[in-house]
Amino acid sequence: MPQARKTAVVTGAARGIGRATADRFIAAGWRVALLDIDLAIEAAPESDSVFPIRGDVSNEAAVHAAFARIAAKFGRLDALVNNAGIAVFKPLLETSFVEWQRVLEVNLGGAFLCALSAVPLMRQGGGGAIVNITSISGLRASTLRVAYGTSKAALAQLTRQMAVEFAQYGIRANAVAPGPVDTAMAKAVHSPDIRAAYHDAIPLGRYGLEQELAEAIFFLCGEGASYITGQELAVDGGFEATGIGLPTLRQEGTA
């Protein structure tokens, strides 16, 4: 029966990791609502399995309306992937308060608002899973990412809070923290020197692929992760584990 098919909502699904994740769900037979503020989302054809919705995740009324439409179309919700996010790449002293607020509104507030709308629908079906997309920038400090990194660190804490409070409803909450990934944004803003530096610092020696992130997200939403909640999984080629000195060790040929 169509009603029995699992359903997911993926925010920031117009492109990049969000679109790759939506495609992974669709390939597994799930029905997916694609929520994005980008006009590109309107190019996605609607079908029995795919429901594109244009909306701003930081706008409470827009989120509420979007989830009402999702409930009316699919009648259930099994997974929420809070992937929508923005970044401002400036030093702390050059970041305006307006920029700071906007990044936190989308990256942190958006996940909060979507969870508020998603949980009642998940509860009706007996439970579900939430995966919040954090970042390696929330695990280690980096220049030019004060608003972005802070929002992602806070999102990791929100994930743990969700795990503790939603467990009673049969809802798990975890986070995936991408390291450097070959998204369109990374290709646009990472110079050859930056890419070379990342390759030196990542033990696997390369950027991740959007599809590799999608696999981790899909796993955490599925039955194979049924006893995993409150965790943050770094999908980063070992970047977070390296500490310092890796390029020097490689140059010296030391294992």
C-alpha atoms as a PDB file:
ATOM      1  CA  MET A   1       0.000   0.000   0.000  1.00  0.00           C
ATOM      2  CA  PRO A   2       1.338   3.488  -0.826  1.00  0.00           C
ATOM      3  CA  GLN A   3       0.603   4.663   2.732  1.00  0.00           C
ATOM      4  CA  ALA A   4       3.102   2.103   4.054  1.00  0.00           C
ATOM      5  CA  ARG A   5       6.025   3.547   2.084  1.00  0.00           C
ATOM      6  CA  LYS A   6       8.517   5.385   4.225  1.00  0.00           C
ATOM      7  CA  THR A   7       8.746   9.139   3.835  1.00  0.00           C
ATOM      8  CA  ALA A   8      11.586  11.606   4.401  1.00  0.00           C
ATOM      9  CA  VAL A   9      11.954  15.369   4.400  1.00  0.00           C
ATOM     10  CA  VAL A  10      15.294  16.766   3.245  1.00  0.00           C
ATOM     11  CA  THR A  11      15.936  20.486   3.634  1.00  0.00           C
ATOM     12  CA  GLY A  12      18.406  22.303   1.431  1.00  0.00           C
ATOM     13  CA  ALA A  13      17.630  19.686  -1.195  1.00  0.00           C
ATOM     14  CA  ALA A  14      18.000  21.730  -4.382  1.00  0.00           C
ATOM     15  CA  ARG A  15      21.624  20.743  -4.845  1.00  0.00           C
ATOM     16  CA  GLY A  16      24.768  19.416  -3.178  1.00  0.00           C
ATOM     17  CA  ILE A  17      24.623  17.074  -0.193  1.00  0.00           C
ATOM     18  CA  GLY A  18      20.892  17.650   0.202  1.00  0.00           C
ATOM     19  CA  ARG A  19      20.081  16.623  -3.344  1.00  0.00           C
ATOM     20  CA  ALA A  20      22.405  13.607  -3.164  1.00  0.00           C
ATOM     21  CA  THR A  21      20.667  12.552   0.054  1.00  0.00           C
ATOM     22  CA  ALA A  22      17.210  12.939  -1.475  1.00  0.00           C
ATOM     23  CA  ASP A  23      18.323  10.842  -4.444  1.00  0.00           C
ATOM     24  CA  ARG A  24      19.586   8.140  -2.064  1.00  0.00           C
ATOM     25  CA  PHE A  25      16.207   7.933  -0.354  1.00  0.00           C
ATOM     26  CA  ILE A  26      14.382   7.839  -3.685  1.00  0.00           C
ATOM     27  CA  ALA A  27      16.661   5.055  -4.940  1.00  0.00           C
ATOM     28  CA  ALA A  28      15.711   3.015  -1.862  1.00  0.00           C
ATOM     29  CA  GLY A  29      12.002   3.424  -2.577  1.00  0.00           C
ATOM     30  CA  TRP A  30      11.242   6.180  -0.083  1.00  0.00           C
ATOM     31  CA  ARG A  31       8.955   9.117  -0.777  1.00  0.00           C
ATOM     32  CA  VAL A  32      10.769  12.406  -0.295  1.00  0.00           C
ATOM     33  CA  ALA A  33       9.762  16.015   0.265  1.00  0.00           C
ATOM     34  CA  LEU A  34      12.444  18.415  -0.965  1.00  0.00           C
ATOM     35  CA  LEU A  35      12.408  21.707   0.942  1.00  0.00           C
ATOM     36  CA  ASP A  36      14.612  24.583  -0.182  1.00  0.00           C
ATOM     37  CA  ILE A  37      14.527  28.379  -0.468  1.00  0.00           C
ATOM     38  CA  ASP A  38      16.380  28.177  -3.794  1.00  0.00           C
ATOM     39  CA  LEU A  39      14.297  28.729  -6.917  1.00  0.00           C
ATOM     40  CA  ALA A  40      16.035  25.697  -8.413  1.00  0.00           C
ATOM     41  CA  ILE A  41      13.821  23.456  -6.280  1.00  0.00           C
ATOM     42  CA  GLU A  42      10.872  24.369  -8.473  1.00  0.00           C
ATOM     43  CA  ALA A  43      12.548  22.593 -11.384  1.00  0.00           C
ATOM     44  CA  ALA A  44      12.188  19.244  -9.617  1.00  0.00           C
ATOM     45  CA  PRO A  45       9.139  17.448 -11.048  1.00  0.00           C
ATOM     46  CA  GLU A  46       6.450  16.487  -8.552  1.00  0.00           C
ATOM     47  CA  SER A  47       5.298  12.855  -8.511  1.00  0.00           C
ATOM     48  CA  ASP A  48       3.865  10.261  -6.165  1.00  0.00           C
ATOM     49  CA  SER A  49       7.357   9.907  -4.673  1.00  0.00           C
ATOM     50  CA  VAL A  50       8.840  13.406  -4.931  1.00  0.00           C
ATOM     51  CA  PHE A  51       7.336  16.584  -3.501  1.00  0.00           C
ATOM     52  CA  PRO A  52       9.384  19.782  -4.048  1.00  0.00           C
ATOM     53  CA  ILE A  53       8.472  22.732  -1.821  1.00  0.00           C
ATOM     54  CA  ARG A  54      10.035  26.181  -1.900  1.00  0.00           C
ATOM     55  CA  GLY A  55      10.336  27.722   1.537  1.00  0.00           C
ATOM     56  CA  ASP A  56      12.644  29.341   4.083  1.00  0.00           C
ATOM     57  CA  VAL A  57      13.442  27.020   7.009  1.00  0.00           C
ATOM     58  CA  SER A  58      14.081  30.012   9.262  1.00  0.00           C
ATOM     59  CA  ASN A  59      10.528  31.287   8.768  1.00  0.00           C
ATOM     60  CA  GLU A  60       8.181  29.699  11.306  1.00  0.00           C
ATOM     61  CA  ALA A  61       5.015  30.200   9.263  1.00  0.00           C
ATOM     62  CA  ALA A  62       6.651  28.862   6.104  1.00  0.00           C
ATOM     63  CA  VAL A  63       7.914  25.743   7.892  1.00  0.00           C
ATOM     64  CA  HIS A  64       4.530  25.071   9.467  1.00  0.00           C
ATOM     65  CA  ALA A  65       2.811  25.456   6.086  1.00  0.00           C
ATOM     66  CA  ALA A  66       5.329  23.191   4.352  1.00  0.00           C
ATOM     67  CA  PHE A  67       4.885  20.373   6.848  1.00  0.00           C
ATOM     68  CA  ALA A  68       1.107  20.708   6.658  1.00  0.00           C
ATOM     69  CA  ARG A  69       1.380  20.159   2.893  1.00  0.00           C
ATOM     70  CA  ILE A  70       3.705  17.184   3.447  1.00  0.00           C
ATOM     71  CA  ALA A  71       1.263  15.623   5.910  1.00  0.00           C
ATOM     72  CA  ALA A  72      -1.605  16.107   3.474  1.00  0.00           C
ATOM     73  CA  LYS A  73       0.321  14.536   0.570  1.00  0.00           C
ATOM     74  CA  PHE A  74       2.121  11.649   2.261  1.00  0.00           C
ATOM     75  CA  GLY A  75       0.271  11.127   5.544  1.00  0.00           C
ATOM     76  CA  ARG A  76       3.369  10.081   7.465  1.00  0.00           C
ATOM     77  CA  LEU A  77       6.963  11.004   8.181  1.00  0.00           C
ATOM     78  CA  ASP A  78       9.805   8.643   9.034  1.00  0.00           C
ATOM     79  CA  ALA A  79      12.925  10.782   8.642  1.00  0.00           C
ATOM     80  CA  LEU A  80      13.937  14.425   8.732  1.00  0.00           C
ATOM     81  CA  VAL A  81      17.302  15.566   7.381  1.00  0.00           C
ATOM     82  CA  ASN A  82      18.108  19.120   8.452  1.00  0.00           C
ATOM     83  CA  ASN A  83      20.639  19.978   5.778  1.00  0.00           C
ATOM     84  CA  ALA A  84      19.749  23.575   4.869  1.00  0.00           C
ATOM     85  CA  GLY A  85      22.544  25.947   5.768  1.00  0.00           C
ATOM     86  CA  ILE A  86      24.377  29.111   4.816  1.00  0.00           C
ATOM     87  CA  ALA A  87      27.828  30.506   5.553  1.00  0.00           C
ATOM     88  CA  VAL A  88      29.542  33.889   5.816  1.00  0.00           C
ATOM     89  CA  PHE A  89      33.285  33.656   5.254  1.00  0.00           C
ATOM     90  CA  LYS A  90      34.709  36.643   7.139  1.00  0.00           C
ATOM     91  CA  PRO A  91      37.005  37.254  10.105  1.00  0.00           C
ATOM     92  CA  LEU A  92      35.176  37.642  13.405  1.00  0.00           C
ATOM     93  CA  LEU A  93      35.831  41.402  13.625  1.00  0.00           C
ATOM     94  CA  GLU A  94      34.453  41.921  10.101  1.00  0.00           C
ATOM     95  CA  THR A  95      31.291  39.858  10.625  1.00  0.00           C
ATOM     96  CA  SER A  96      28.263  42.050  11.211  1.00  0.00           C
ATOM     97  CA  PHE A  97      25.632  41.184  13.780  1.00  0.00           C
ATOM     98  CA  VAL A  98      23.068  40.938  10.982  1.00  0.00           C
ATOM     99  CA  GLU A  99      25.231  38.325   9.229  1.00  0.00           C
ATOM    100  CA  TRP A 100      25.762  36.488  12.524  1.00  0.00           C
ATOM    101  CA  GLN A 101      22.017  36.416  13.197  1.00  0.00           C
ATOM    102  CA  ARG A 102      21.113  35.222   9.718  1.00  0.00           C
ATOM    103  CA  VAL A 103      23.540  32.288   9.814  1.00  0.00           C
ATOM    104  CA  LEU A 104      22.210  31.155  13.192  1.00  0.00           C
ATOM    105  CA  GLU A 105      18.599  31.661  12.090  1.00  0.00           C
ATOM    106  CA  VAL A 106      19.039  29.289   9.155  1.00  0.00           C
ATOM    107  CA  ASN A 107      21.572  26.749  10.426  1.00  0.00           C
ATOM    108  CA  LEU A 108      20.298  26.406  13.990  1.00  0.00           C
ATOM    109  CA  GLY A 109      16.827  27.940  14.025  1.00  0.00           C
ATOM    110  CA  GLY A 110      15.837  26.124  10.844  1.00  0.00           C
ATOM    111  CA  ALA A 111      16.608  22.730  12.361  1.00  0.00           C
ATOM    112  CA  PHE A 112      14.700  23.679  15.513  1.00  0.00           C
ATOM    113  CA  LEU A 113      11.614  24.797  13.584  1.00  0.00           C
ATOM    114  CA  CYS A 114      11.594  21.775  11.273  1.00  0.00           C
ATOM    115  CA  ALA A 115      11.856  19.418  14.240  1.00  0.00           C
ATOM    116  CA  LEU A 116       8.916  21.118  15.953  1.00  0.00           C
ATOM    117  CA  SER A 117       6.788  20.475  12.882  1.00  0.00           C
ATOM    118  CA  ALA A 118       8.164  17.006  12.116  1.00  0.00           C
ATOM    119  CA  VAL A 119       7.959  15.338  15.523  1.00  0.00           C
ATOM    120  CA  PRO A 120       4.134  15.314  15.857  1.00  0.00           C
ATOM    121  CA  LEU A 121       3.859  13.666  12.424  1.00  0.00           C
ATOM    122  CA  MET A 122       6.558  11.122  13.315  1.00  0.00           C
ATOM    123  CA  ARG A 123       4.812  10.320  16.586  1.00  0.00           C
ATOM    124  CA  GLN A 124       1.639   9.417  14.711  1.00  0.00           C
ATOM    125  CA  GLY A 125       3.591   6.707  12.897  1.00  0.00           C
ATOM    126  CA  GLY A 126       5.325   5.371  16.007  1.00  0.00           C
ATOM    127  CA  GLY A 127       8.686   7.082  15.656  1.00  0.00           C
ATOM    128  CA  GLY A 128      11.371   8.070  13.208  1.00  0.00           C
ATOM    129  CA  ALA A 129      14.819   9.562  12.819  1.00  0.00           C
ATOM    130  CA  ILE A 130      16.292  13.042  12.624  1.00  0.00           C
ATOM    131  CA  VAL A 131      19.722  13.703  11.134  1.00  0.00           C
ATOM    132  CA  ASN A 132      21.160  17.190  11.498  1.00  0.00           C
ATOM    133  CA  ILE A 133      23.997  18.165   9.189  1.00  0.00           C
ATOM    134  CA  THR A 134      26.644  19.853  11.293  1.00  0.00           C
ATOM    135  CA  SER A 135      30.232  20.369  10.128  1.00  0.00           C
ATOM    136  CA  ILE A 136      33.817  19.700  10.948  1.00  0.00           C
ATOM    137  CA  SER A 137      33.890  23.476  11.517  1.00  0.00           C
ATOM    138  CA  GLY A 138      31.780  22.892  14.606  1.00  0.00           C
ATOM    139  CA  LEU A 139      34.355  20.467  16.000  1.00  0.00           C
ATOM    140  CA  ARG A 140      37.481  22.525  15.476  1.00  0.00           C
ATOM    141  CA  ALA A 141      37.973  26.282  15.195  1.00  0.00           C
ATOM    142  CA  SER A 142      38.897  27.771  11.854  1.00  0.00           C
ATOM    143  CA  THR A 143      39.442  31.256  10.500  1.00  0.00           C
ATOM    144  CA  LEU A 144      36.631  32.998   8.579  1.00  0.00           C
ATOM    145  CA  ARG A 145      33.923  30.757  10.027  1.00  0.00           C
ATOM    146  CA  VAL A 146      32.901  32.323  13.321  1.00  0.00           C
ATOM    147  CA  ALA A 147      29.137  32.366  12.635  1.00  0.00           C
ATOM    148  CA  TYR A 148      29.111  29.130  10.643  1.00  0.00           C
ATOM    149  CA  GLY A 149      31.273  27.145  13.052  1.00  0.00           C
ATOM    150  CA  THR A 150      29.398  28.403  16.102  1.00  0.00           C
ATOM    151  CA  SER A 151      26.036  27.542  14.525  1.00  0.00           C
ATOM    152  CA  LYS A 152      27.209  24.021  13.738  1.00  0.00           C
ATOM    153  CA  ALA A 153      28.624  23.449  17.227  1.00  0.00           C
ATOM    154  CA  ALA A 154      25.301  24.580  18.663  1.00  0.00           C
ATOM    155  CA  LEU A 155      23.461  22.295  16.242  1.00  0.00           C
ATOM    156  CA  ALA A 156      25.448  19.345  17.614  1.00  0.00           C
ATOM    157  CA  GLN A 157      24.225  20.206  21.109  1.00  0.00           C
ATOM    158  CA  LEU A 158      20.667  20.597  19.807  1.00  0.00           C
ATOM    159  CA  THR A 159      21.027  17.110  18.316  1.00  0.00           C
ATOM    160  CA  ARG A 160      21.891  15.651  21.707  1.00  0.00           C
ATOM    161  CA  GLN A 161      18.986  17.526  23.262  1.00  0.00           C
ATOM    162  CA  MET A 162      16.643  16.096  20.637  1.00  0.00           C
ATOM    163  CA  ALA A 163      17.974  12.588  21.257  1.00  0.00           C
ATOM    164  CA  VAL A 164      17.286  12.825  24.971  1.00  0.00           C
ATOM    165  CA  GLU A 165      13.848  14.409  24.717  1.00  0.00           C
ATOM    166  CA  PHE A 166      12.471  12.607  21.651  1.00  0.00           C
ATOM    167  CA  ALA A 167      13.513   9.077  22.624  1.00  0.00           C
ATOM    168  CA  GLN A 168      10.251   8.625  24.515  1.00  0.00           C
ATOM    169  CA  TYR A 169       8.437   9.008  21.195  1.00  0.00           C
ATOM    170  CA  GLY A 170      10.569   6.431  19.398  1.00  0.00           C
ATOM    171  CA  ILE A 171      12.493   9.163  17.577  1.00  0.00           C
ATOM    172  CA  ARG A 172      16.276   9.001  17.251  1.00  0.00           C
ATOM    173  CA  ALA A 173      18.429  12.083  16.580  1.00  0.00           C
ATOM    174  CA  ASN A 174      21.976  12.079  15.260  1.00  0.00           C
ATOM    175  CA  ALA A 175      24.290  14.423  13.380  1.00  0.00           C
ATOM    176  CA  VAL A 176      26.630  14.045  10.435  1.00  0.00           C
ATOM    177  CA  ALA A 177      29.607  16.410  10.342  1.00  0.00           C
ATOM    178  CA  PRO A 178      31.001  16.677   6.809  1.00  0.00           C
ATOM    179  CA  GLY A 179      34.630  17.485   6.287  1.00  0.00           C
ATOM    180  CA  PRO A 180      35.787  19.030   2.993  1.00  0.00           C
ATOM    181  CA  VAL A 181      33.353  17.837   0.322  1.00  0.00           C
ATOM    182  CA  ASP A 182      33.473  18.455  -3.429  1.00  0.00           C
ATOM    183  CA  THR A 183      30.293  20.510  -3.576  1.00  0.00           C
ATOM    184  CA  ALA A 184      29.675  23.318  -6.055  1.00  0.00           C
ATOM    185  CA  MET A 185      30.346  25.854  -3.275  1.00  0.00           C
ATOM    186  CA  ALA A 186      33.690  24.279  -2.398  1.00  0.00           C
ATOM    187  CA  LYS A 187      34.717  24.262  -6.038  1.00  0.00           C
ATOM    188  CA  ALA A 188      33.808  27.942  -6.296  1.00  0.00           C
ATOM    189  CA  VAL A 189      35.547  29.251  -3.155  1.00  0.00           C
ATOM    190  CA  HIS A 190      38.484  26.880  -2.603  1.00  0.00           C
ATOM    191  CA  SER A 191      41.544  28.031  -4.511  1.00  0.00           C
ATOM    192  CA  PRO A 192      44.116  25.505  -5.780  1.00  0.00           C
ATOM    193  CA  ASP A 193      46.301  26.332  -2.761  1.00  0.00           C
ATOM    194  CA  ILE A 194      43.434  25.695  -0.341  1.00  0.00           C
ATOM    195  CA  ARG A 195      42.596  22.414  -2.040  1.00  0.00           C
ATOM    196  CA  ALA A 196      46.239  21.321  -1.862  1.00  0.00           C
ATOM    197  CA  ALA A 197      46.371  22.205   1.836  1.00  0.00           C
ATOM    198  CA  TYR A 198      43.248  20.143   2.517  1.00  0.00           C
ATOM    199  CA  HIS A 199      44.680  17.199   0.588  1.00  0.00           C
ATOM    200  CA  ASP A 200      47.777  17.385   2.778  1.00  0.00           C
ATOM    201  CA  ALA A 201      45.740  17.527   5.987  1.00  0.00           C
ATOM    202  CA  ILE A 202      43.236  14.758   5.196  1.00  0.00           C
ATOM    203  CA  PRO A 203      44.608  11.240   5.794  1.00  0.00           C
ATOM    204  CA  LEU A 204      42.628   9.853   2.846  1.00  0.00           C
ATOM    205  CA  GLY A 205      44.185  12.561   0.702  1.00  0.00           C
ATOM    206  CA  ARG A 206      41.066  13.843  -1.069  1.00  0.00           C
ATOM    207  CA  TYR A 207      37.786  15.662  -0.720  1.00  0.00           C
ATOM    208  CA  GLY A 208      34.675  13.655   0.074  1.00  0.00           C
ATOM    209  CA  LEU A 209      31.886  13.107  -2.421  1.00  0.00           C
ATOM    210  CA  GLU A 210      28.295  14.218  -1.920  1.00  0.00           C
ATOM    211  CA  GLN A 211      27.179  10.629  -2.380  1.00  0.00           C
ATOM    212  CA  GLU A 212      29.464   9.476   0.445  1.00  0.00           C
ATOM    213  CA  LEU A 213      27.763  11.910   2.803  1.00  0.00           C
ATOM    214  CA  ALA A 214      24.370  10.744   1.560  1.00  0.00           C
ATOM    215  CA  GLU A 215      25.221   7.137   2.433  1.00  0.00           C
ATOM    216  CA  ALA A 216      26.058   8.058   6.034  1.00  0.00           C
ATOM    217  CA  ILE A 217      22.896  10.124   6.387  1.00  0.00           C
ATOM    218  CA  PHE A 218      20.740   7.383   4.908  1.00  0.00           C
ATOM    219  CA  PHE A 219      22.269   4.809   7.258  1.00  0.00           C
ATOM    220  CA  LEU A 220      21.467   6.882  10.333  1.00  0.00           C
ATOM    221  CA  CYS A 221      17.853   7.197   9.178  1.00  0.00           C
ATOM    222  CA  GLY A 222      17.427   3.453   8.680  1.00  0.00           C
ATOM    223  CA  GLU A 223      16.851   0.337  10.729  1.00  0.00           C
ATOM    224  CA  GLY A 224      20.560  -0.478  10.729  1.00  0.00           C
ATOM    225  CA  ALA A 225      21.043   2.447  13.115  1.00  0.00           C
ATOM    226  CA  SER A 226      18.124   1.558  15.381  1.00  0.00           C
ATOM    227  CA  TYR A 227      20.240   1.720  18.579  1.00  0.00           C
ATOM    228  CA  ILE A 228      22.203   4.842  17.647  1.00  0.00           C
ATOM    229  CA  THR A 229      21.050   8.210  18.951  1.00  0.00           C
ATOM    230  CA  GLY A 230      22.644  11.383  20.257  1.00  0.00           C
ATOM    231  CA  GLN A 231      25.811  10.894  18.203  1.00  0.00           C
ATOM    232  CA  GLU A 232      27.782  13.105  15.817  1.00  0.00           C
ATOM    233  CA  LEU A 233      29.515  11.216  13.013  1.00  0.00           C
ATOM    234  CA  ALA A 234      32.382  12.998  11.266  1.00  0.00           C
ATOM    235  CA  VAL A 235      32.461  11.981   7.598  1.00  0.00           C
ATOM    236  CA  ASP A 236      35.724  13.695   6.796  1.00  0.00           C
ATOM    237  CA  GLY A 237      38.378  11.310   5.517  1.00  0.00           C
ATOM    238  CA  GLY A 238      40.051  11.397   8.926  1.00  0.00           C
ATOM    239  CA  PHE A 239      40.486  15.190   8.978  1.00  0.00           C
ATOM    240  CA  GLU A 240      39.280  15.616  12.580  1.00  0.00           C
ATOM    241  CA  ALA A 241      41.565  12.819  13.801  1.00  0.00           C
ATOM    242  CA  THR A 242      44.825  14.194  12.425  1.00  0.00           C
ATOM    243  CA  GLY A 243      45.699  16.983  14.852  1.00  0.00           C
ATOM    244  CA  ILE A 244      48.749  18.860  13.564  1.00  0.00           C
ATOM    245  CA  GLY A 245      51.952  17.994  11.776  1.00  0.00           C
ATOM    246  CA  LEU A 246      50.632  15.557   9.172  1.00  0.00           C
ATOM    247  CA  PRO A 247      52.046  17.424   6.133  1.00  0.00           C
ATOM    248  CA  THR A 248      55.493  17.584   7.758  1.00  0.00           C
ATOM    249  CA  LEU A 249      55.417  13.900   8.628  1.00  0.00           C
ATOM    250  CA  ARG A 250      54.528  13.041   5.044  1.00  0.00           C
ATOM    251  CA  GLN A 251      57.319  15.190   3.642  1.00  0.00           C
ATOM    252  CA  GLU A 252      59.816  13.434   5.884  1.00  0.00           C
ATOM    253  CA  GLY A 253      58.460  10.043   4.897  1.00  0.00           C
ATOM    254  CA  THR A 254      57.626   9.136   8.499  1.00  0.00           C
ATOM    255  CA  ALA A 255      54.776   6.720   9.105  1.00  0.00           C
END
